[in-house]
Amino acid sequence: MPRELVLGIDFGSSTTIAGALVGDRIELVQDNGGSVIPSIAFVPDRGGLEVGHRAAARQWTDPSRVVRSVKRLLGLPSSSELVRRYAAGVPFQVDLTSDKPVLKLAQSIAPEQIAAAILAHVRDLAEKRFGLTPKRAVITLSADAPHGYREAITKAARIAHLEVLDLVAEPIAGTLALDLHMQSAHRRVVVCDFGGGTFDVSAVLQEGLRFRPVAVYGDHFLGGNDLDDVMAEAIAAIVYRNSRYDLHRDVVRWNELVLRCESAKRQISSGTSAPLVMRDAYLHAGVRKDLRLTLEGPWAEATWHAKLARTADVVGELLRRAGWRPQDVDVVGLIGGSSMIPAFRRQMSSLFGVGRVTLADAPELAVAQGATLLTARFQKVSDRIPTLVQQMHR
């Protein structure tokens, strides 16, 4: 066990994953039997916030008090179009009258306070797992994080009693999980991080065992959550067409539909179809009806078509900024949980060529694993890891 626990944290829009180096092994923080911690907070009438899996359970019964995807707000002024888009899509009020947005739930709360509660939960879980209290961390951020994000996440970490040692772009951290640092080479690499809330891309030049970012780009409203939303909208349109009932009218049932679409998306990504069942979902001729559907892969991919087409646009802009053509790229690394969607992988293979695209072994864990490896620069661990990490960083 190390004398000091330094965390590597992938603070994501939909989930947070953290790890620590134990010897030369990466050990991930555990919550509710798994390493994926929902980036979700429940705001009660008074007292402290509930976060993680406990807050996620509240989505089914009290979604108007649940905050998701707060990462999308960090560092942004109230005047930002991204903030206004966020405010238009949540079941609670967002006060935009001051310079920074304030979330108006049972309590008025700033986005940094939500992020701090999630980071504090991670810190507490790490202490339970490893028996040491972490005081320092390496935290990842989106490749194209908006101006002010660094200050906001650093403030959130400080509230959570964590000193930020470094802030590292998520695709750069994820490159470590692709094992590209294990072989000296000269090649052009594109890393695509398709997560729950964002799609981030980086153009990286590998020179021997050194990696140099050439360009970054991203879309902060393009992720797995957005795919869930368009599936829910498509189903709502079917229900309205058949019964003239608007599923949006009930915030609890609408939120349930989105959550069931998320579950169906995961099943479709690993198979061909998924059942979707909601009890008492809508009214037809004055009678409450269940919603029972079997969602097929081709149907789901059709609803996602416009969103997935935007991933190609984002990659195209990255290549333009880097001055590269698709045929110039030697390796395309896919990380992030949404990269497991077959239609996305096919799109990237179509753009770059099948032989150049590789999916990380555990794409949803890749960024956290890379961030954890990068903590080696700040502590005394095995001789092998610091050398690789020093060469990898920046």
Protein backbone atom coordinates (compact mmCIF):
# COMPACT_ATOMS: atom_id res chain seq x y z
CA MET A 1 0.00 0.00 0.00
CA PRO A 2 1.43 3.45 -0.89
CA ARG A 3 2.31 5.91 1.86
CA GLU A 4 0.20 8.55 0.14
CA LEU A 5 -2.91 8.04 -1.95
CA VAL A 6 -3.01 10.20 -5.09
CA LEU A 7 -6.17 9.78 -7.14
CA GLY A 8 -6.55 9.82 -10.90
CA ILE A 9 -10.09 11.03 -11.57
CA ASP A 10 -12.10 10.98 -14.77
CA PHE A 11 -14.86 13.44 -13.89
CA GLY A 12 -17.41 12.86 -16.63
CA SER A 13 -20.78 14.30 -17.59
CA SER A 14 -22.63 11.08 -16.84
CA THR A 15 -20.18 9.04 -14.76
CA THR A 16 -17.06 9.51 -12.68
CA ILE A 17 -14.33 6.88 -12.37
CA ALA A 18 -11.26 7.13 -10.15
CA GLY A 19 -8.24 5.02 -9.39
CA ALA A 20 -4.96 4.89 -7.49
CA LEU A 21 -1.62 3.22 -8.07
CA VAL A 22 -0.97 0.38 -5.67
CA GLY A 23 2.57 -0.72 -6.45
CA ASP A 24 2.56 -0.71 -10.23
CA ARG A 25 -1.11 -1.76 -10.48
CA ILE A 26 -4.13 0.41 -11.14
CA GLU A 27 -6.84 -0.15 -8.53
CA LEU A 28 -10.18 1.55 -9.17
CA VAL A 29 -12.42 3.06 -6.53
CA GLN A 30 -15.53 0.96 -5.96
CA ASP A 31 -19.11 2.08 -5.33
CA ASN A 32 -22.11 -0.22 -5.07
CA GLY A 33 -20.02 -3.13 -6.31
CA GLY A 34 -18.66 -1.41 -9.42
CA SER A 35 -16.15 1.20 -10.52
CA VAL A 36 -18.58 3.45 -12.43
CA ILE A 37 -20.00 6.19 -10.20
CA PRO A 38 -22.96 8.20 -11.56
CA SER A 39 -22.14 11.92 -11.78
CA ILE A 40 -25.53 12.65 -10.27
CA ALA A 41 -26.66 14.60 -7.21
CA PHE A 42 -29.98 14.66 -5.37
CA VAL A 43 -30.79 17.96 -3.64
CA PRO A 44 -32.96 17.49 -0.51
CA ASP A 45 -34.98 20.19 1.27
CA ARG A 46 -32.13 20.71 3.69
CA GLY A 47 -28.79 19.19 4.58
CA GLY A 48 -26.13 17.60 2.44
CA LEU A 49 -26.51 16.28 -1.07
CA GLU A 50 -26.90 12.63 -1.99
CA VAL A 51 -24.61 11.63 -4.84
CA GLY A 52 -23.63 8.63 -6.92
CA HIS A 53 -25.82 5.52 -6.97
CA ARG A 54 -28.11 6.76 -4.19
CA ALA A 55 -28.88 9.87 -6.22
CA ALA A 56 -29.29 7.83 -9.41
CA ALA A 57 -32.02 5.79 -7.70
CA ARG A 58 -33.91 9.02 -7.01
CA GLN A 59 -34.26 9.69 -10.75
CA TRP A 60 -37.11 7.20 -10.94
CA THR A 61 -39.29 8.88 -8.32
CA ASP A 62 -38.19 12.50 -7.89
CA PRO A 63 -36.31 13.64 -11.03
CA SER A 64 -37.08 17.33 -10.47
CA ARG A 65 -34.57 17.30 -7.59
CA VAL A 66 -31.86 15.38 -9.42
CA VAL A 67 -28.96 17.13 -11.17
CA ARG A 68 -27.21 15.34 -14.04
CA SER A 69 -24.48 16.43 -16.45
CA VAL A 70 -23.36 19.35 -14.28
CA LYS A 71 -20.00 19.18 -16.04
CA ARG A 72 -21.68 20.91 -18.97
CA LEU A 73 -22.12 24.05 -16.84
CA LEU A 74 -18.73 24.33 -15.15
CA GLY A 75 -16.86 27.50 -16.01
CA LEU A 76 -19.56 28.92 -18.25
CA PRO A 77 -21.33 32.28 -17.78
CA SER A 78 -25.11 32.52 -17.69
CA SER A 79 -25.02 34.20 -21.10
CA SER A 80 -23.54 31.09 -22.76
CA GLU A 81 -25.71 29.36 -25.32
CA LEU A 82 -24.60 26.03 -23.82
CA VAL A 83 -26.01 27.05 -20.44
CA ARG A 84 -29.29 28.09 -22.01
CA ARG A 85 -29.54 24.76 -23.82
CA TYR A 86 -28.90 22.95 -20.54
CA ALA A 87 -31.53 25.05 -18.73
CA ALA A 88 -34.11 24.30 -21.40
CA GLY A 89 -33.69 20.54 -20.95
CA VAL A 90 -33.86 20.03 -17.17
CA PRO A 91 -36.95 19.64 -14.92
CA PHE A 92 -35.94 22.44 -12.56
CA GLN A 93 -35.24 26.14 -12.85
CA VAL A 94 -31.81 27.51 -13.68
CA ASP A 95 -31.39 31.14 -12.60
CA LEU A 96 -29.54 33.02 -15.34
CA THR A 97 -29.93 36.54 -13.91
CA SER A 98 -26.44 36.67 -12.36
CA ASP A 99 -23.06 36.21 -14.04
CA LYS A 100 -22.92 32.48 -13.24
CA PRO A 101 -25.87 30.03 -13.41
CA VAL A 102 -27.52 28.96 -10.16
CA LEU A 103 -29.57 25.78 -9.95
CA LYS A 104 -32.91 26.37 -8.20
CA LEU A 105 -34.06 23.15 -6.60
CA ALA A 106 -35.07 22.55 -2.98
CA GLN A 107 -31.94 24.59 -2.30
CA SER A 108 -30.20 27.11 -4.54
CA ILE A 109 -26.85 25.66 -5.48
CA ALA A 110 -23.94 26.47 -7.79
CA PRO A 111 -22.64 23.94 -10.34
CA GLU A 112 -19.27 23.87 -8.54
CA GLN A 113 -21.01 22.70 -5.36
CA ILE A 114 -22.57 19.78 -7.21
CA ALA A 115 -19.20 18.83 -8.69
CA ALA A 116 -17.58 19.19 -5.26
CA ALA A 117 -20.10 16.80 -3.70
CA ILE A 118 -19.34 14.19 -6.36
CA LEU A 119 -15.58 14.58 -5.89
CA ALA A 120 -15.97 14.37 -2.10
CA HIS A 121 -17.94 11.14 -2.53
CA VAL A 122 -15.10 9.74 -4.65
CA ARG A 123 -12.59 10.77 -1.99
CA ASP A 124 -14.62 9.07 0.75
CA LEU A 125 -14.98 5.88 -1.29
CA ALA A 126 -11.23 5.84 -1.91
CA GLU A 127 -10.55 6.17 1.81
CA LYS A 128 -12.85 3.20 2.52
CA ARG A 129 -11.22 1.12 -0.19
CA PHE A 130 -7.57 1.85 0.51
CA GLY A 131 -7.49 2.92 4.16
CA LEU A 132 -5.79 6.23 3.38
CA THR A 133 -7.29 9.68 2.97
CA PRO A 134 -6.46 11.09 -0.49
CA LYS A 135 -5.49 14.74 -0.48
CA ARG A 136 -4.21 15.19 -4.03
CA ALA A 137 -5.48 14.23 -7.47
CA VAL A 138 -4.90 14.36 -11.20
CA ILE A 139 -8.21 15.21 -12.87
CA THR A 140 -9.08 14.97 -16.54
CA LEU A 141 -11.05 17.51 -18.53
CA SER A 142 -12.58 17.69 -21.98
CA ALA A 143 -10.15 18.26 -24.81
CA ASP A 144 -11.91 21.47 -25.79
CA ALA A 145 -13.03 22.55 -22.31
CA PRO A 146 -14.54 26.05 -22.28
CA HIS A 147 -12.66 29.01 -20.86
CA GLY A 148 -13.08 28.99 -17.09
CA TYR A 149 -13.50 25.24 -16.70
CA ARG A 150 -10.07 24.73 -15.18
CA GLU A 151 -10.77 27.30 -12.48
CA ALA A 152 -14.23 25.82 -11.81
CA ILE A 153 -13.12 22.19 -11.44
CA THR A 154 -10.14 23.27 -9.33
CA LYS A 155 -12.52 25.19 -7.05
CA ALA A 156 -14.81 22.16 -6.81
CA ALA A 157 -11.87 19.95 -5.90
CA ARG A 158 -10.74 22.42 -3.26
CA ILE A 159 -14.23 22.37 -1.69
CA ALA A 160 -13.88 18.55 -1.66
CA HIS A 161 -10.51 18.88 0.13
CA LEU A 162 -8.49 17.73 -2.87
CA GLU A 163 -5.48 19.52 -4.28
CA VAL A 164 -5.36 19.37 -8.07
CA LEU A 165 -1.86 18.38 -9.12
CA ASP A 166 -2.61 18.47 -12.82
CA LEU A 167 -5.47 18.80 -15.28
CA VAL A 168 -5.05 16.51 -18.30
CA ALA A 169 -7.08 16.37 -21.52
CA GLU A 170 -9.21 13.22 -21.54
CA PRO A 171 -8.10 11.91 -24.96
CA ILE A 172 -4.47 12.37 -23.94
CA ALA A 173 -5.01 10.37 -20.75
CA GLY A 174 -6.97 7.77 -22.71
CA THR A 175 -4.04 7.26 -25.08
CA LEU A 176 -2.27 5.38 -22.30
CA ALA A 177 -5.06 2.83 -22.20
CA LEU A 178 -4.53 2.17 -25.91
CA ASP A 179 -1.00 0.91 -25.09
CA LEU A 180 0.53 3.16 -27.74
CA HIS A 181 3.26 4.09 -25.25
CA MET A 182 4.46 0.48 -25.20
CA GLN A 183 6.07 0.75 -28.63
CA SER A 184 8.41 3.42 -29.95
CA ALA A 185 7.02 4.69 -33.24
CA HIS A 186 6.50 7.73 -35.42
CA ARG A 187 2.84 8.03 -36.27
CA ARG A 188 -0.17 10.30 -36.37
CA VAL A 189 -2.88 9.35 -33.91
CA VAL A 190 -6.48 10.49 -33.55
CA VAL A 191 -8.15 9.75 -30.22
CA CYS A 192 -11.96 9.85 -30.14
CA ASP A 193 -13.49 10.04 -26.66
CA PHE A 194 -17.23 9.41 -27.01
CA GLY A 195 -18.63 9.67 -23.50
CA GLY A 196 -21.98 10.20 -21.85
CA GLY A 197 -22.11 13.95 -22.34
CA THR A 198 -19.41 14.98 -24.79
CA PHE A 199 -17.55 13.90 -27.89
CA ASP A 200 -13.91 14.97 -27.65
CA VAL A 201 -11.25 14.37 -30.27
CA SER A 202 -7.51 14.98 -30.28
CA ALA A 203 -4.86 14.80 -32.97
CA VAL A 204 -1.65 13.52 -31.38
CA LEU A 205 1.79 13.12 -32.94
CA GLN A 206 3.78 10.19 -31.56
CA GLU A 207 7.55 10.66 -31.86
CA GLY A 208 9.29 7.65 -30.42
CA LEU A 209 7.80 7.40 -26.93
CA ARG A 210 6.75 11.03 -26.77
CA PHE A 211 3.23 12.21 -27.55
CA ARG A 212 2.54 15.77 -28.63
CA PRO A 213 -1.02 17.12 -29.02
CA VAL A 214 -1.43 18.87 -32.36
CA ALA A 215 -5.10 19.87 -32.24
CA VAL A 216 -8.20 19.33 -30.11
CA TYR A 217 -11.90 19.78 -30.74
CA GLY A 218 -15.16 18.67 -29.20
CA ASP A 219 -18.92 18.95 -28.89
CA HIS A 220 -20.24 19.40 -25.36
CA PHE A 221 -23.79 18.32 -26.29
CA LEU A 222 -22.96 15.15 -28.15
CA GLY A 223 -22.78 12.00 -26.07
CA GLY A 224 -24.63 8.91 -24.96
CA ASN A 225 -27.15 11.01 -23.01
CA ASP A 226 -28.14 12.79 -26.21
CA LEU A 227 -28.69 9.45 -27.95
CA ASP A 228 -31.01 8.45 -25.10
CA ASP A 229 -32.95 11.68 -25.55
CA VAL A 230 -33.53 11.23 -29.29
CA MET A 231 -34.69 7.63 -28.74
CA ALA A 232 -37.16 8.88 -26.14
CA GLU A 233 -38.40 11.61 -28.49
CA ALA A 234 -38.93 9.05 -31.27
CA ILE A 235 -40.95 6.81 -28.94
CA ALA A 236 -42.96 9.80 -27.69
CA ALA A 237 -43.79 10.68 -31.29
CA ILE A 238 -45.11 7.15 -31.88
CA VAL A 239 -47.28 7.30 -28.76
CA TYR A 240 -48.62 10.73 -29.69
CA ARG A 241 -49.38 9.65 -33.23
CA ASN A 242 -51.35 6.62 -32.02
CA SER A 243 -53.03 8.03 -28.90
CA ARG A 244 -52.66 11.83 -29.00
CA TYR A 245 -50.99 11.60 -25.59
CA ASP A 246 -47.89 13.70 -24.88
CA LEU A 247 -45.41 11.79 -22.71
CA HIS A 248 -43.67 15.08 -21.86
CA ARG A 249 -46.57 16.17 -19.66
CA ASP A 250 -45.47 14.00 -16.71
CA VAL A 251 -41.88 14.70 -15.66
CA VAL A 252 -41.56 11.44 -13.72
CA ARG A 253 -42.75 9.26 -16.57
CA TRP A 254 -40.71 11.18 -19.11
CA ASN A 255 -37.60 10.71 -17.05
CA GLU A 256 -38.40 7.01 -16.71
CA LEU A 257 -38.68 6.74 -20.48
CA VAL A 258 -35.25 8.36 -20.95
CA LEU A 259 -33.70 6.00 -18.39
CA ARG A 260 -35.26 2.97 -20.06
CA CYS A 261 -33.93 4.19 -23.40
CA GLU A 262 -30.46 4.35 -21.85
CA SER A 263 -30.79 0.73 -20.71
CA ALA A 264 -32.07 -0.32 -24.14
CA LYS A 265 -29.17 1.49 -25.84
CA ARG A 266 -26.67 -0.54 -23.82
CA GLN A 267 -28.40 -3.80 -24.76
CA ILE A 268 -28.59 -2.84 -28.42
CA SER A 269 -24.88 -1.97 -28.38
CA SER A 270 -24.04 -5.53 -27.36
CA GLY A 271 -26.81 -7.32 -29.24
CA THR A 272 -29.47 -6.70 -31.83
CA SER A 273 -32.65 -5.74 -29.94
CA ALA A 274 -33.92 -4.73 -26.52
CA PRO A 275 -37.32 -4.77 -24.81
CA LEU A 276 -38.72 -1.54 -23.39
CA VAL A 277 -41.60 -1.81 -20.92
CA MET A 278 -43.25 1.00 -18.93
CA ARG A 279 -46.26 0.35 -16.73
CA ASP A 280 -49.17 2.83 -17.00
CA ALA A 281 -47.17 4.95 -19.40
CA TYR A 282 -49.93 6.85 -21.23
CA LEU A 283 -53.67 7.35 -21.68
CA HIS A 284 -55.57 5.99 -24.69
CA ALA A 285 -59.28 6.80 -24.94
CA GLY A 286 -59.23 7.61 -21.24
CA VAL A 287 -57.67 4.28 -20.23
CA ARG A 288 -54.17 3.99 -18.77
CA LYS A 289 -51.97 1.80 -20.98
CA ASP A 290 -48.61 0.08 -20.63
CA LEU A 291 -45.89 0.81 -23.15
CA ARG A 292 -44.41 -2.39 -24.53
CA LEU A 293 -41.91 -2.23 -27.37
CA THR A 294 -39.07 -4.25 -28.82
CA LEU A 295 -36.42 -1.85 -30.05
CA GLU A 296 -34.39 -3.22 -32.94
CA GLY A 297 -30.85 -2.13 -33.70
CA PRO A 298 -31.62 -0.66 -37.16
CA TRP A 299 -34.49 1.42 -35.71
CA ALA A 300 -32.27 2.78 -32.93
CA GLU A 301 -29.49 3.58 -35.36
CA ALA A 302 -31.95 5.47 -37.55
CA THR A 303 -32.94 7.67 -34.58
CA TRP A 304 -29.25 8.28 -33.85
CA HIS A 305 -28.31 9.02 -37.45
CA ALA A 306 -28.17 12.82 -37.16
CA LYS A 307 -26.22 12.68 -33.89
CA LEU A 308 -23.71 10.16 -35.20
CA ALA A 309 -23.31 12.19 -38.38
CA ARG A 310 -22.19 15.05 -36.14
CA THR A 311 -19.34 12.90 -34.85
CA ALA A 312 -17.97 12.83 -38.40
CA ASP A 313 -18.32 16.61 -38.58
CA VAL A 314 -16.38 17.00 -35.31
CA VAL A 315 -13.60 14.72 -36.58
CA GLY A 316 -13.53 16.62 -39.85
CA GLU A 317 -13.01 19.90 -38.00
CA LEU A 318 -10.24 18.32 -35.93
CA LEU A 319 -8.44 17.17 -39.07
CA ARG A 320 -8.80 20.63 -40.58
CA ARG A 321 -7.22 22.20 -37.48
CA ALA A 322 -4.39 19.66 -37.51
CA GLY A 323 -3.80 20.02 -41.24
CA TRP A 324 -4.26 16.27 -41.71
CA ARG A 325 -6.29 14.19 -44.15
CA PRO A 326 -7.99 10.93 -43.06
CA GLN A 327 -5.43 8.92 -45.02
CA ASP A 328 -2.61 10.66 -43.12
CA VAL A 329 -3.73 9.11 -39.81
CA ASP A 330 -2.01 5.89 -38.74
CA VAL A 331 -4.08 4.96 -35.68
CA VAL A 332 -7.57 5.95 -34.52
CA GLY A 333 -8.20 5.09 -30.87
CA LEU A 334 -11.77 4.89 -29.60
CA ILE A 335 -12.42 5.42 -25.90
CA GLY A 336 -15.46 6.35 -23.79
CA GLY A 337 -18.52 4.22 -23.08
CA SER A 338 -20.47 5.40 -26.13
CA SER A 339 -17.69 4.22 -28.44
CA MET A 340 -19.03 0.69 -27.90
CA ILE A 341 -22.01 1.54 -30.15
CA PRO A 342 -21.46 -0.46 -33.36
CA ALA A 343 -22.85 2.27 -35.63
CA PHE A 344 -20.31 4.75 -34.30
CA ARG A 345 -17.44 2.34 -34.83
CA ARG A 346 -18.62 1.68 -38.39
CA GLN A 347 -18.73 5.40 -39.04
CA MET A 348 -15.16 5.90 -37.86
CA SER A 349 -14.00 2.86 -39.89
CA SER A 350 -15.71 4.28 -42.96
CA LEU A 351 -13.95 7.60 -42.46
CA PHE A 352 -10.45 6.31 -41.72
CA GLY A 353 -10.38 2.70 -42.93
CA VAL A 354 -11.05 -0.49 -40.98
CA GLY A 355 -7.45 -1.41 -40.22
CA ARG A 356 -6.68 1.92 -38.54
CA VAL A 357 -9.47 1.98 -35.94
CA THR A 358 -8.97 0.31 -32.57
CA LEU A 359 -11.31 0.14 -29.58
CA ALA A 360 -9.76 0.25 -26.11
CA ASP A 361 -10.14 -2.96 -24.10
CA ALA A 362 -12.33 -1.21 -21.52
CA PRO A 363 -13.29 2.03 -23.28
CA GLU A 364 -15.40 3.37 -20.43
CA LEU A 365 -12.44 3.03 -18.04
CA ALA A 366 -9.68 4.23 -20.38
CA VAL A 367 -9.51 7.86 -19.27
CA ALA A 368 -9.50 7.01 -15.57
CA GLN A 369 -6.78 4.41 -16.11
CA GLY A 370 -4.65 6.96 -17.95
CA ALA A 371 -5.21 9.60 -15.27
CA THR A 372 -4.21 7.09 -12.61
CA LEU A 373 -0.99 6.26 -14.44
CA LEU A 374 -0.24 9.96 -14.65
CA THR A 375 -0.30 10.21 -10.85
CA ALA A 376 3.04 8.37 -10.88
CA ARG A 377 4.74 11.66 -11.70
CA PHE A 378 3.84 12.92 -8.24
CA GLN A 379 4.66 9.96 -6.02
CA LYS A 380 7.30 7.30 -5.45
CA VAL A 381 6.15 4.13 -7.18
CA SER A 382 7.90 1.63 -9.43
CA ASP A 383 10.69 2.88 -11.68
CA ARG A 384 8.97 1.67 -14.84
CA ILE A 385 5.75 3.66 -14.65
CA PRO A 386 7.19 7.13 -14.00
CA THR A 387 9.45 6.83 -17.04
CA LEU A 388 6.59 6.01 -19.37
CA VAL A 389 4.33 8.63 -17.85
CA GLN A 390 6.96 11.36 -17.98
CA GLN A 391 7.42 10.67 -21.67
CA MET A 392 3.69 10.56 -22.26
CA HIS A 393 2.71 13.75 -20.46
CA ARG A 394 2.05 16.84 -22.51
